[in-house]
């Protein structure tokens, strides 16, 4: 058990970015699958499409979203110093998701929709 904890201690900083980069398209995929009643055999195709769209839409507003999301994640890393391994993984993820939604509000304010 101590060996697994040492491995997590060494790679804990990569887990939140992976959750954010691959988790947000996953949420959109579940939403699309339920909203349009897609069969489960299209799940991989829908996820690949949403991941591609998430990466492709990296415009100026997409840059704002990415910078604020990962900036908030950095704040989460700072706030979770000297905490347990699980908190050092969860706090940056939660704060990065908060940054993701805040960045969308800021992007909507910039383009004048809200």
Protein backbone atom coordinates (compact mmCIF):
# COMPACT_ATOMS: atom_id res chain seq x y z
CA UNK A 1 0.00 0.00 0.00
CA UNK A 2 2.85 2.37 0.76
CA UNK A 3 4.25 1.77 -2.73
CA UNK A 4 0.94 2.83 -4.36
CA UNK A 5 0.90 5.94 -2.19
CA UNK A 6 4.43 6.83 -3.30
CA UNK A 7 3.43 6.47 -6.95
CA UNK A 8 0.40 8.72 -6.43
CA UNK A 9 2.60 11.23 -4.61
CA UNK A 10 4.89 11.42 -7.63
CA UNK A 11 2.16 11.80 -10.27
CA UNK A 12 -0.64 13.60 -8.36
CA UNK A 13 -0.13 16.82 -10.32
CA UNK A 14 -1.07 15.23 -13.67
CA UNK A 15 -4.41 13.78 -12.53
CA UNK A 16 -6.46 17.05 -12.38
CA UNK A 17 -5.46 18.25 -15.90
CA UNK A 18 -6.37 14.84 -17.31
CA UNK A 19 -9.74 14.95 -15.56
CA UNK A 20 -10.42 18.43 -16.95
CA UNK A 21 -9.24 17.78 -20.51
CA UNK A 22 -10.96 14.41 -20.88
CA UNK A 23 -13.82 14.91 -18.39
CA UNK A 24 -15.47 17.99 -19.87
CA UNK A 25 -16.04 16.33 -23.28
CA UNK A 26 -17.32 13.29 -21.38
CA UNK A 27 -20.02 15.42 -19.74
CA UNK A 28 -21.02 16.80 -23.14
CA UNK A 29 -21.11 13.25 -24.51
CA UNK A 30 -23.46 12.03 -21.75
CA UNK A 31 -25.66 15.07 -22.30
CA UNK A 32 -25.77 14.45 -26.06
CA UNK A 33 -26.43 10.73 -25.63
CA UNK A 34 -29.38 11.37 -23.31
CA UNK A 35 -30.79 14.39 -25.14
CA UNK A 36 -30.85 12.78 -28.58
CA UNK A 37 -31.46 9.20 -27.38
CA UNK A 38 -28.32 7.86 -29.04
CA UNK A 39 -27.66 4.12 -28.79
CA UNK A 40 -24.76 3.08 -26.58
CA UNK A 41 -22.76 1.73 -29.53
CA UNK A 42 -22.26 5.37 -30.63
CA UNK A 43 -20.72 6.42 -27.30
CA UNK A 44 -17.09 6.19 -28.46
CA UNK A 45 -17.89 8.08 -31.66
CA UNK A 46 -19.76 10.83 -29.77
CA UNK A 47 -16.95 11.13 -27.22
CA UNK A 48 -14.31 11.37 -29.96
CA UNK A 49 -16.37 14.02 -31.74
CA UNK A 50 -16.83 16.06 -28.56
CA UNK A 51 -13.14 15.77 -27.64
CA UNK A 52 -12.16 16.90 -31.14
CA UNK A 53 -14.59 19.84 -30.97
CA UNK A 54 -13.32 20.77 -27.49
CA UNK A 55 -9.74 20.89 -28.75
CA UNK A 56 -10.59 22.46 -32.14
CA UNK A 57 -12.56 25.37 -30.68
CA UNK A 58 -9.39 26.90 -29.28
CA UNK A 59 -10.02 30.47 -30.42
CA UNK A 60 -9.46 33.67 -28.47
CA UNK A 61 -12.45 32.84 -26.29
CA UNK A 62 -11.24 29.25 -26.04
CA UNK A 63 -7.89 30.62 -24.91
CA UNK A 64 -9.63 32.61 -22.19
CA UNK A 65 -11.43 29.47 -21.08
CA UNK A 66 -8.21 27.42 -21.05
CA UNK A 67 -6.14 30.07 -19.29
CA UNK A 68 -8.72 30.64 -16.57
CA UNK A 69 -9.44 26.93 -16.12
CA UNK A 70 -5.78 26.03 -15.71
CA UNK A 71 -5.13 29.24 -13.75
CA UNK A 72 -7.81 28.27 -11.28
CA UNK A 73 -6.28 24.79 -11.19
CA UNK A 74 -2.94 26.38 -10.26
CA UNK A 75 -4.68 28.22 -7.44
CA UNK A 76 -6.12 24.86 -6.36
CA UNK A 77 -2.63 23.35 -6.34
CA UNK A 78 -1.44 26.23 -4.17
CA UNK A 79 -4.36 25.88 -1.75
CA UNK A 80 -3.89 22.12 -1.43
CA UNK A 81 -0.23 22.21 -0.41
CA UNK A 82 0.65 20.09 2.61
CA UNK A 83 -2.69 18.26 2.50
CA UNK A 84 -3.36 14.58 1.95
CA UNK A 85 -3.00 13.03 -1.50
CA UNK A 86 -6.74 12.79 -2.09
CA UNK A 87 -7.27 16.46 -1.22
CA UNK A 88 -4.35 17.44 -3.46
CA UNK A 89 -6.19 15.75 -6.32
CA UNK A 90 -9.77 16.83 -5.53
CA UNK A 91 -9.23 20.50 -4.66
CA UNK A 92 -7.57 21.43 -8.00
CA UNK A 93 -10.26 19.53 -9.93
CA UNK A 94 -13.10 21.30 -8.13
CA UNK A 95 -11.51 24.73 -8.41
CA UNK A 96 -10.63 24.12 -12.09
CA UNK A 97 -14.27 23.26 -12.82
CA UNK A 98 -15.25 26.48 -11.07
CA UNK A 99 -12.74 28.31 -13.27
CA UNK A 100 -14.19 26.61 -16.35
CA UNK A 101 -17.67 27.93 -15.63
CA UNK A 102 -16.41 31.39 -14.59
CA UNK A 103 -14.46 31.62 -17.85
CA UNK A 104 -17.62 30.88 -19.82
CA UNK A 105 -19.42 33.70 -18.03
CA UNK A 106 -16.52 36.06 -18.79
CA UNK A 107 -16.45 34.94 -22.42
CA UNK A 108 -20.20 35.59 -22.71
CA UNK A 109 -19.72 39.04 -21.21
CA UNK A 110 -16.94 39.77 -23.71
CA UNK A 111 -19.02 38.86 -26.74
CA UNK A 112 -22.02 40.72 -25.31
CA UNK A 113 -24.48 37.86 -24.98
CA UNK A 114 -25.12 38.05 -21.25
